[in-house]
Structures are given as C-alpha cells and as structure tokens.
C-alpha cells in the first residue's frame, strides 16, 4: 500500500478529498494545502488521469521525526534505499520546501539532499546518475516542516494544472486550471444548467466547466513523470492504460446544457478562442466580444453566472480607474439581481466585492469561501436568487 500526497491550492482541499474518495482511495485526510491518502498503483495512475483539482501526486518514501539540524537530516537520508529506484543510467532532481525549520534556503536544502543521494549510491557501490533539473527521470521532493521531514517521489512531472490548452497564452491567464476547476466544484456549478462567464479572460472557467460536463478527464492524453521511471512496476503501466481507456469510454459527445462566454477586451477574446481550439472544444464553445453587464442582462431565467471578476490589483493610486471598477461591480450587481432563479458564482480579491455587488438581501441562499488569487486573499461567493 502506498501513501500518496496531493498538493492543492489552500481552501480547495475538500475538492481533492472528494475526488480521492471517488477514485477508491482510503484513509483520506486533509492538511493545509495537501490531501493525503492510502492507495495502490492503480490509485496513483487514476489520480493523475482524473483529478481536476490537485496539482501533483507524490508518493511518500520516508518520514523522519525530530530533525533539528543538518546533521540529523543527512543521517536520516543515508538510510533511504535510493538505489532501489535510481541507477547510473537515470537522471534525478531535488525539489525542497522549507517551513518553520532549521533551514531557510531551499536551494541549499536541495543541493545538500542531492549530495546525500549520491553519497548513498556511492556507499552501495552504485554508479553516479546525472542531475537534470528540467526533465529528470525521477524528481524527489523534500518537505521539512518544523522537526518533521517528508521525502516523496513526484509521479506527475509537469503540474496537473498545465492541461495543455493554454499554450501560447499563459501570460494572459493568472488563474490556474486546477483553481478554476476547484471553484466550480466548491460552488456546485451545475453542469445541467446553462452557464455564462461574462468576464471570461482566456476562458479557463468555461473550458473547465465544459470538460466537467463532457466528463473529459484532464490527464487523458498527457504524459506523466512516472512514465520515465526505469524501475517502475509493471502494474503501474497497466493501471495507466486502464485509466486512459476508462476516461475515453466515459466521455460524452454533447454538452447537457449550453455554455456561453464573453469578454469586452479583444485580446482576451482572441486568447480564449485559441484555448477553446486547443482544448478540443471548437464544436461546443465560442467566445463573443460583449460588455459583461449586457451579457448578464441577456442571460435569461435560471441562468448560472460564473466568473473571475477583475479586482484592480494593478490600478495603484489611480482614483478614476478605481471608481470605474467600483461602478462596474455595482452595475453588474443590479443586472444580476434582475435574473429570476439564477445561481451566481463569483470569485474576487476586491476587498469590497460583497458590498458593491449587493446581492445578499436579494438572494434566497448565500455562501462564501475563503481562498486565494495568487498571493492575494480572495473569496468565492455564491448567491441563489429567487
């Protein structure tokens, strides 16, 4: 039995928890920005293929308690059988994460761990593998929190948020695909209800909603880090092949409800159109150029309005632009309040978003969740209107 660690955005742990339970994992437990579980090689393969919300799938190799000094760490790593996974024909890299521990320099921690790996292999009479930080055969992850050190093996490779459909437009899309999928899951964006994103940017929320609605597995066609492991067990290859087959068999051909998306900025519309095509959704989605407030006014009864709203992080001291943004929020709130039976799901880091939108009193039910937009605190709001 393996112990798996699935890192995720803070506040989205519940989504990964639900995914793992659906995949048959056991002993699922949440931490801060990570969900841990017990599972098999099949669980590992399926989590990589099907998870929409996790960023990686790590395999725990060892946990050391009472690590207070560099010498403690080196002594602990000396007992790890790296030779069982690594030989002189492979390449490896070390990724280090340090939280409230004896070291503060992650680069030095990675370097020192690399030396410990090579020392162990030398002591076992094995050849010296090469270091490849860009695309190694194996990537070890060292997580040192206070006096606890966890050593894991990265089975994923490129993070799971890199779905592939944002190639060439990454600079225009601050929201990661995994966060977008998590917002939809946390807020219960119903795939059977019409969907509108009136501030779509590069279209990430609408594309993730379409993949959810079509039951398209995000990792169906991608390559994973564990496929480069020279000493991987044969059952892992079988598990991956079965997961990919299952993903293709489960996928739907048609959307159960229409998904609309629009933006006022021409470059956003162009970027979203590129992403739609690269996501294989050209037959299902298109992006229109339209003012968000007008798009909402045309949404119709029972609409589901979902968006990552602008929040002015780059406005600085420009008072006029701040007033314009606040006016946008107020007018958008007015248009939303006029939608009968709508579900409104909005994500924003604007500190006055709730006040400016003024949807609380009009709503039949209201909820919100504390999350982050990059380094900024943000909230996801949901209002169900009568």
Protein backbone atom coordinates (compact mmCIF):
# COMPACT_ATOMS: atom_id res chain seq x y z
CA UNK A 1 0.00 0.00 0.00
CA UNK A 2 1.26 3.46 -0.97
CA UNK A 3 0.86 6.72 0.91
CA UNK A 4 0.08 9.50 -1.54
CA UNK A 5 0.28 13.26 -1.02
CA UNK A 6 -1.73 15.52 -3.35
CA UNK A 7 -0.81 19.23 -3.02
CA UNK A 8 -3.53 21.71 -3.93
CA UNK A 9 -4.46 25.37 -3.50
CA UNK A 10 -5.29 26.41 0.06
CA UNK A 11 -9.03 26.18 0.62
CA UNK A 12 -9.62 23.57 -2.10
CA UNK A 13 -8.70 20.51 -0.03
CA UNK A 14 -12.35 19.43 0.15
CA UNK A 15 -12.41 19.04 -3.65
CA UNK A 16 -9.35 16.77 -3.74
CA UNK A 17 -10.75 14.81 -0.78
CA UNK A 18 -13.95 14.14 -2.74
CA UNK A 19 -12.01 13.14 -5.85
CA UNK A 20 -9.85 10.66 -3.96
CA UNK A 21 -12.84 9.03 -2.30
CA UNK A 22 -14.49 8.66 -5.71
CA UNK A 23 -11.30 7.02 -7.02
CA UNK A 24 -11.33 4.41 -4.25
CA UNK A 25 -8.55 5.78 -2.05
CA UNK A 26 -8.66 5.02 1.67
CA UNK A 27 -7.55 6.85 4.81
CA UNK A 28 -8.14 10.19 3.10
CA UNK A 29 -7.16 13.10 5.34
CA UNK A 30 -6.78 16.81 4.71
CA UNK A 31 -3.90 19.08 5.62
CA UNK A 32 -3.16 22.70 4.80
CA UNK A 33 -2.74 22.76 1.02
CA UNK A 34 -2.43 18.97 0.75
CA UNK A 35 -4.59 15.85 0.93
CA UNK A 36 -3.07 12.51 1.92
CA UNK A 37 -4.43 9.04 1.34
CA UNK A 38 -3.57 5.37 1.11
CA UNK A 39 -3.87 3.60 -2.21
CA UNK A 40 -2.38 1.32 -4.82
CA UNK A 41 -0.52 1.92 -8.06
CA UNK A 42 -3.98 1.98 -9.64
CA UNK A 43 -4.96 4.85 -7.32
CA UNK A 44 -1.81 6.75 -8.32
CA UNK A 45 -2.48 6.34 -12.04
CA UNK A 46 -6.17 7.22 -11.74
CA UNK A 47 -5.47 10.28 -9.59
CA UNK A 48 -3.08 11.62 -12.24
CA UNK A 49 -5.55 11.00 -15.06
CA UNK A 50 -8.81 12.07 -13.41
CA UNK A 51 -8.00 14.71 -10.76
CA UNK A 52 -9.14 18.19 -11.74
CA UNK A 53 -8.14 19.98 -8.54
CA UNK A 54 -4.79 18.58 -7.32
CA UNK A 55 -1.51 19.97 -8.61
CA UNK A 56 0.63 16.83 -8.18
CA UNK A 57 0.54 13.23 -6.97
CA UNK A 58 3.50 12.47 -4.71
CA UNK A 59 4.50 9.03 -3.40
CA UNK A 60 5.73 9.14 0.17
CA UNK A 61 9.09 7.39 0.56
CA UNK A 62 10.04 8.21 4.15
CA UNK A 63 9.07 10.39 7.10
CA UNK A 64 11.63 11.47 9.71
CA UNK A 65 10.69 12.99 13.05
CA UNK A 66 12.87 15.02 15.38
CA UNK A 67 15.05 16.51 12.64
CA UNK A 68 16.63 19.62 14.14
CA UNK A 69 19.95 20.07 12.33
CA UNK A 70 21.66 19.50 9.01
CA UNK A 71 23.47 16.51 10.52
CA UNK A 72 20.13 14.98 11.56
CA UNK A 73 18.84 15.29 8.02
CA UNK A 74 21.97 13.83 6.41
CA UNK A 75 21.95 10.89 8.83
CA UNK A 76 18.29 10.20 8.07
CA UNK A 77 18.76 10.36 4.28
CA UNK A 78 21.71 7.97 4.49
CA UNK A 79 19.27 5.19 5.32
CA UNK A 80 16.97 5.74 2.35
CA UNK A 81 17.42 3.00 -0.31
CA UNK A 82 17.72 5.32 -3.30
CA UNK A 83 19.40 2.53 -5.24
CA UNK A 84 16.06 0.72 -5.47
CA UNK A 85 14.72 3.47 -7.70
CA UNK A 86 17.75 5.15 -9.27
CA UNK A 87 20.75 3.88 -11.25
CA UNK A 88 23.57 5.47 -13.22
CA UNK A 89 21.51 5.42 -16.44
CA UNK A 90 18.80 7.66 -14.99
CA UNK A 91 18.69 11.30 -14.05
CA UNK A 92 17.25 12.94 -10.97
CA UNK A 93 16.46 16.28 -9.36
CA UNK A 94 15.58 17.50 -5.88
CA UNK A 95 12.78 19.91 -5.02
CA UNK A 96 12.82 21.30 -1.47
CA UNK A 97 10.10 23.05 0.56
CA UNK A 98 11.03 24.54 3.95
CA UNK A 99 8.51 25.74 6.53
CA UNK A 100 9.49 26.95 10.00
CA UNK A 101 12.53 24.66 10.18
CA UNK A 102 16.30 24.85 10.75
CA UNK A 103 16.99 25.90 7.14
CA UNK A 104 15.64 28.85 5.20
CA UNK A 105 17.44 28.35 1.87
CA UNK A 106 15.52 25.85 -0.28
CA UNK A 107 18.27 25.81 -2.92
CA UNK A 108 20.84 24.78 -0.33
CA UNK A 109 18.48 22.15 1.05
CA UNK A 110 18.05 20.68 -2.43
CA UNK A 111 21.81 20.70 -3.01
CA UNK A 112 22.51 19.01 0.31
CA UNK A 113 19.86 16.37 -0.36
CA UNK A 114 21.37 15.72 -3.79
CA UNK A 115 24.73 15.11 -2.11
CA UNK A 116 23.09 12.67 0.31
CA UNK A 117 21.57 10.73 -2.59
CA UNK A 118 24.95 10.44 -4.32
CA UNK A 119 26.68 9.52 -1.05
CA UNK A 120 24.20 6.70 -0.51
CA UNK A 121 24.67 5.33 -4.03
CA UNK A 122 28.44 5.54 -3.69
CA UNK A 123 28.29 3.68 -0.38
CA UNK A 124 26.27 0.94 -2.07
CA UNK A 125 28.83 0.63 -4.86
CA UNK A 126 26.47 2.04 -7.49
CA UNK A 127 27.27 4.35 -10.41
CA UNK A 128 26.64 8.07 -10.33
CA UNK A 129 23.45 9.30 -12.06
CA UNK A 130 23.28 12.75 -13.60
CA UNK A 131 21.28 15.68 -12.30
CA UNK A 132 18.64 17.07 -14.69
CA UNK A 133 16.52 19.82 -13.14
CA UNK A 134 14.36 20.35 -16.22
CA UNK A 135 13.13 16.85 -17.07
CA UNK A 136 14.62 14.23 -14.74
CA UNK A 137 13.79 10.54 -14.70
CA UNK A 138 12.96 10.93 -11.01
CA UNK A 139 12.16 14.05 -9.02
CA UNK A 140 12.46 13.72 -5.24
CA UNK A 141 10.52 16.21 -3.11
CA UNK A 142 11.81 17.12 0.35
CA UNK A 143 9.31 18.81 2.68
CA UNK A 144 10.74 20.00 6.01
CA UNK A 145 8.14 21.39 8.43
CA UNK A 146 9.38 22.22 11.92
CA UNK A 147 11.07 18.97 13.02
CA UNK A 148 9.36 16.65 10.52
CA UNK A 149 10.91 15.79 7.16
CA UNK A 150 8.92 14.01 4.46
CA UNK A 151 10.67 12.63 1.39
CA UNK A 152 8.45 11.89 -1.60
CA UNK A 153 8.72 10.95 -5.25
CA UNK A 154 6.90 13.10 -7.80
CA UNK A 155 4.82 10.83 -10.02
CA UNK A 156 3.25 13.63 -12.06
CA UNK A 157 6.05 15.58 -13.71
CA UNK A 158 4.66 18.83 -15.14
CA UNK A 159 2.00 20.10 -12.71
CA UNK A 160 -1.55 18.94 -13.35
CA UNK A 161 -2.80 22.50 -13.90
CA UNK A 162 -0.85 22.51 -17.17
CA UNK A 163 -3.64 20.93 -19.19
CA UNK A 164 -2.07 21.97 -22.49
CA UNK A 165 -4.83 24.17 -23.87
CA UNK A 166 -3.24 27.46 -22.74
CA UNK A 167 -0.07 27.07 -24.79
CA UNK A 168 1.00 30.48 -26.05
CA UNK A 169 -1.44 32.47 -23.88
CA UNK A 170 -0.14 31.68 -20.38
CA UNK A 171 0.86 35.29 -19.76
CA UNK A 172 -2.77 36.39 -20.10
CA UNK A 173 -4.23 33.83 -17.67
CA UNK A 174 -3.43 34.28 -13.98
CA UNK A 175 -5.91 31.65 -12.76
CA UNK A 176 -4.59 28.10 -12.81
CA UNK A 177 -6.80 25.48 -14.38
CA UNK A 178 -6.85 23.48 -11.13
CA UNK A 179 -8.11 26.52 -9.21
CA UNK A 180 -10.80 27.12 -11.83
CA UNK A 181 -11.95 23.51 -11.55
CA UNK A 182 -11.93 23.81 -7.76
CA UNK A 183 -14.09 26.96 -7.84
CA UNK A 184 -16.64 25.12 -9.96
CA UNK A 185 -16.63 22.15 -7.61
CA UNK A 186 -16.74 24.17 -4.37
CA UNK A 187 -19.55 26.38 -5.64
CA UNK A 188 -21.52 23.47 -7.16
CA UNK A 189 -21.62 24.82 -10.70
CA UNK A 190 -24.32 22.55 -12.11
CA UNK A 191 -23.36 21.04 -15.47
CA UNK A 192 -27.06 20.60 -16.28
CA UNK A 193 -27.81 24.35 -16.07
CA UNK A 194 -26.96 26.98 -18.72
CA UNK A 195 -23.61 28.60 -17.93
CA UNK A 196 -22.35 32.11 -18.62
CA UNK A 197 -18.94 33.63 -17.90
CA UNK A 198 -19.25 37.33 -18.85
CA UNK A 199 -15.62 38.21 -17.90
CA UNK A 200 -14.03 35.09 -19.35
CA UNK A 201 -10.45 36.28 -19.93
CA UNK A 202 -8.79 33.33 -21.64
CA UNK A 203 -11.84 31.15 -20.98
CA UNK A 204 -10.46 28.87 -18.28
CA UNK A 205 -13.66 28.65 -16.21
CA UNK A 206 -15.86 27.92 -19.24
CA UNK A 207 -13.40 25.34 -20.61
CA UNK A 208 -13.14 23.58 -17.25
CA UNK A 209 -16.94 23.58 -16.97
CA UNK A 210 -17.19 22.07 -20.45
CA UNK A 211 -14.70 19.34 -19.57
CA UNK A 212 -16.68 18.61 -16.38
CA UNK A 213 -19.92 18.48 -18.35
CA UNK A 214 -18.43 16.21 -21.01
CA UNK A 215 -16.67 14.14 -18.29
CA UNK A 216 -13.40 14.76 -20.08
CA UNK A 217 -10.52 13.59 -17.86
CA UNK A 218 -7.86 16.35 -17.72
CA UNK A 219 -4.98 13.86 -17.84
CA UNK A 220 -6.43 11.59 -20.50
CA UNK A 221 -3.77 12.29 -23.14
CA UNK A 222 -0.86 13.75 -21.19
CA UNK A 223 2.46 12.15 -20.26
CA UNK A 224 3.39 11.71 -16.60
CA UNK A 225 6.65 11.75 -14.71
CA UNK A 226 6.31 8.13 -13.61
CA UNK A 227 6.44 7.03 -17.25
CA UNK A 228 10.15 7.95 -17.13
CA UNK A 229 10.88 5.75 -14.10
CA UNK A 230 13.20 2.99 -15.31
CA UNK A 231 12.34 0.81 -12.29
CA UNK A 232 8.58 1.33 -12.23
CA UNK A 233 6.44 -1.73 -11.50
CA UNK A 234 4.63 -3.33 -14.49
CA UNK A 235 1.27 -2.90 -12.76
CA UNK A 236 1.69 0.87 -12.98
CA UNK A 237 1.77 0.75 -16.79
CA UNK A 238 -1.30 -1.48 -16.78
CA UNK A 239 -3.11 0.85 -14.40
CA UNK A 240 -2.37 3.86 -16.59
CA UNK A 241 -3.59 2.10 -19.74
CA UNK A 242 -6.81 1.09 -17.97
CA UNK A 243 -7.36 4.62 -16.63
CA UNK A 244 -6.95 6.13 -20.09
CA UNK A 245 -9.36 3.59 -21.59
CA UNK A 246 -11.90 4.32 -18.87
CA UNK A 247 -11.53 8.05 -19.46
CA UNK A 248 -12.29 7.69 -23.17
CA UNK A 249 -15.27 5.41 -22.54
CA UNK A 250 -16.80 7.82 -20.02
CA UNK A 251 -16.55 10.94 -22.16
CA UNK A 252 -19.78 12.40 -23.52
CA UNK A 253 -20.27 13.72 -27.03
CA UNK A 254 -22.65 16.60 -26.27
CA UNK A 255 -22.96 19.22 -23.56
CA UNK A 256 -26.02 18.71 -21.35
CA UNK A 257 -26.57 22.50 -21.23
CA UNK A 258 -25.23 25.46 -23.22
CA UNK A 259 -22.05 27.20 -22.08
CA UNK A 260 -21.57 30.83 -23.09
CA UNK A 261 -18.53 33.03 -22.57
CA UNK A 262 -17.70 36.61 -23.43
CA UNK A 263 -15.29 39.45 -22.70
CA UNK A 264 -15.05 43.10 -23.69
CA UNK A 265 -11.32 43.04 -24.46
CA UNK A 266 -10.36 41.92 -27.96
CA UNK A 267 -7.11 40.29 -26.87
CA UNK A 268 -9.00 38.21 -24.29
CA UNK A 269 -11.48 37.05 -26.93
CA UNK A 270 -8.61 36.07 -29.22
CA UNK A 271 -6.81 34.21 -26.43
CA UNK A 272 -10.00 32.42 -25.34
CA UNK A 273 -10.67 31.35 -28.93
CA UNK A 274 -7.16 29.87 -29.12
CA UNK A 275 -7.68 28.00 -25.85
CA UNK A 276 -11.05 26.63 -26.99
CA UNK A 277 -9.48 25.13 -30.09
CA UNK A 278 -6.50 23.72 -28.19
CA UNK A 279 -8.89 22.17 -25.65
CA UNK A 280 -10.70 20.34 -28.46
CA UNK A 281 -13.93 22.23 -27.78
CA UNK A 282 -14.37 24.09 -31.06
CA UNK A 283 -17.66 22.28 -31.70
CA UNK A 284 -19.07 23.22 -28.29
CA UNK A 285 -17.84 26.72 -27.34
CA UNK A 286 -17.18 30.11 -28.82
CA UNK A 287 -16.19 33.41 -27.24
CA UNK A 288 -18.06 36.63 -28.04
CA UNK A 289 -16.98 40.22 -27.55
CA UNK A 290 -19.57 41.83 -25.31
CA UNK A 291 -19.78 44.06 -22.25
CA UNK A 292 -20.24 41.88 -19.16
CA UNK A 293 -23.26 43.80 -17.93
CA UNK A 294 -25.05 43.39 -21.25
CA UNK A 295 -24.20 39.70 -21.37
CA UNK A 296 -25.70 39.21 -17.91
CA UNK A 297 -28.84 41.13 -18.84
CA UNK A 298 -29.39 38.66 -21.70
CA UNK A 299 -28.69 35.53 -19.61
CA UNK A 300 -32.34 34.67 -19.05
CA UNK A 301 -34.28 32.86 -16.33
CA UNK A 302 -32.48 30.13 -14.38
CA UNK A 303 -29.07 31.18 -15.66
CA UNK A 304 -25.85 30.23 -13.94
CA UNK A 305 -23.42 33.16 -13.98
CA UNK A 306 -19.86 32.22 -13.05
CA UNK A 307 -16.83 34.49 -13.31
CA UNK A 308 -13.44 35.54 -12.00
CA UNK A 309 -14.06 39.25 -11.63
CA UNK A 310 -11.43 41.95 -12.17
CA UNK A 311 -10.31 43.41 -8.85
CA UNK A 312 -7.89 46.20 -9.71
CA UNK A 313 -4.63 44.73 -8.44
CA UNK A 314 -2.68 46.86 -10.92
CA UNK A 315 -4.56 50.16 -10.51
CA UNK A 316 -2.17 51.58 -7.92
CA UNK A 317 -3.22 55.07 -6.92
CA UNK A 318 -5.40 55.75 -9.99
CA UNK A 319 -8.59 57.02 -8.29
CA UNK A 320 -10.57 57.33 -11.54
CA UNK A 321 -9.97 53.71 -12.51
CA UNK A 322 -10.86 52.56 -9.01
CA UNK A 323 -14.15 54.43 -9.22
CA UNK A 324 -14.81 52.90 -12.64
CA UNK A 325 -14.19 49.43 -11.27
CA UNK A 326 -16.49 50.03 -8.32
CA UNK A 327 -19.15 51.29 -10.74
CA UNK A 328 -18.74 48.13 -12.78
CA UNK A 329 -19.36 45.99 -9.69
CA UNK A 330 -22.47 47.98 -8.74
CA UNK A 331 -23.99 47.83 -12.21
CA UNK A 332 -23.17 44.14 -12.55
CA UNK A 333 -24.91 43.52 -9.22
CA UNK A 334 -28.01 45.36 -10.48
CA UNK A 335 -28.16 43.21 -13.63
CA UNK A 336 -27.67 40.03 -11.61
CA UNK A 337 -30.44 40.93 -9.15
CA UNK A 338 -32.82 41.13 -12.10
CA UNK A 339 -32.22 37.49 -13.13
CA UNK A 340 -35.01 35.22 -11.79
CA UNK A 341 -33.86 31.85 -10.45
CA UNK A 342 -30.20 32.50 -11.21
CA UNK A 343 -27.22 30.93 -9.48
CA UNK A 344 -24.39 33.45 -9.20
CA UNK A 345 -20.88 32.21 -8.52
CA UNK A 346 -18.26 34.96 -8.43
CA UNK A 347 -14.59 34.92 -7.42
CA UNK A 348 -12.86 38.15 -6.47
CA UNK A 349 -9.99 39.57 -4.45
CA UNK A 350 -11.63 43.00 -4.33
CA UNK A 351 -12.00 43.84 -0.60
CA UNK A 352 -15.44 45.40 -1.15
CA UNK A 353 -16.82 42.89 -3.65
CA UNK A 354 -19.73 41.74 -1.49
CA UNK A 355 -20.73 45.30 -0.56
CA UNK A 356 -20.54 46.60 -4.14
CA UNK A 357 -22.43 43.71 -5.73
CA UNK A 358 -25.14 43.98 -3.03
CA UNK A 359 -26.69 40.59 -3.70
CA UNK A 360 -27.10 39.39 -0.12
CA UNK A 361 -30.57 40.79 0.53
CA UNK A 362 -31.90 39.69 -2.86
CA UNK A 363 -30.65 36.11 -2.53
CA UNK A 364 -32.62 33.10 -1.35
CA UNK A 365 -29.39 31.48 -0.15
CA UNK A 366 -25.85 32.80 0.11
CA UNK A 367 -22.47 31.25 0.84
CA UNK A 368 -18.82 32.22 0.56
CA UNK A 369 -15.43 30.53 0.86
CA UNK A 370 -12.02 31.99 1.70
CA UNK A 371 -9.44 31.21 -0.99
CA UNK A 372 -6.50 32.94 -2.66
CA UNK A 373 -5.88 34.52 -6.02
CA UNK A 374 -2.16 34.00 -6.38
CA UNK A 375 -0.66 35.65 -3.31
CA UNK A 376 -3.78 37.70 -2.57
CA UNK A 377 -6.62 36.70 -0.23
CA UNK A 378 -9.84 36.24 -2.20
CA UNK A 379 -13.35 34.91 -1.75
CA UNK A 380 -15.70 32.77 -3.77
CA UNK A 381 -19.29 33.95 -3.40
CA UNK A 382 -22.45 32.04 -4.27
CA UNK A 383 -25.91 33.51 -4.35
CA UNK A 384 -29.07 31.61 -5.38
CA UNK A 385 -31.72 34.11 -6.43
CA UNK A 386 -35.47 33.51 -6.09
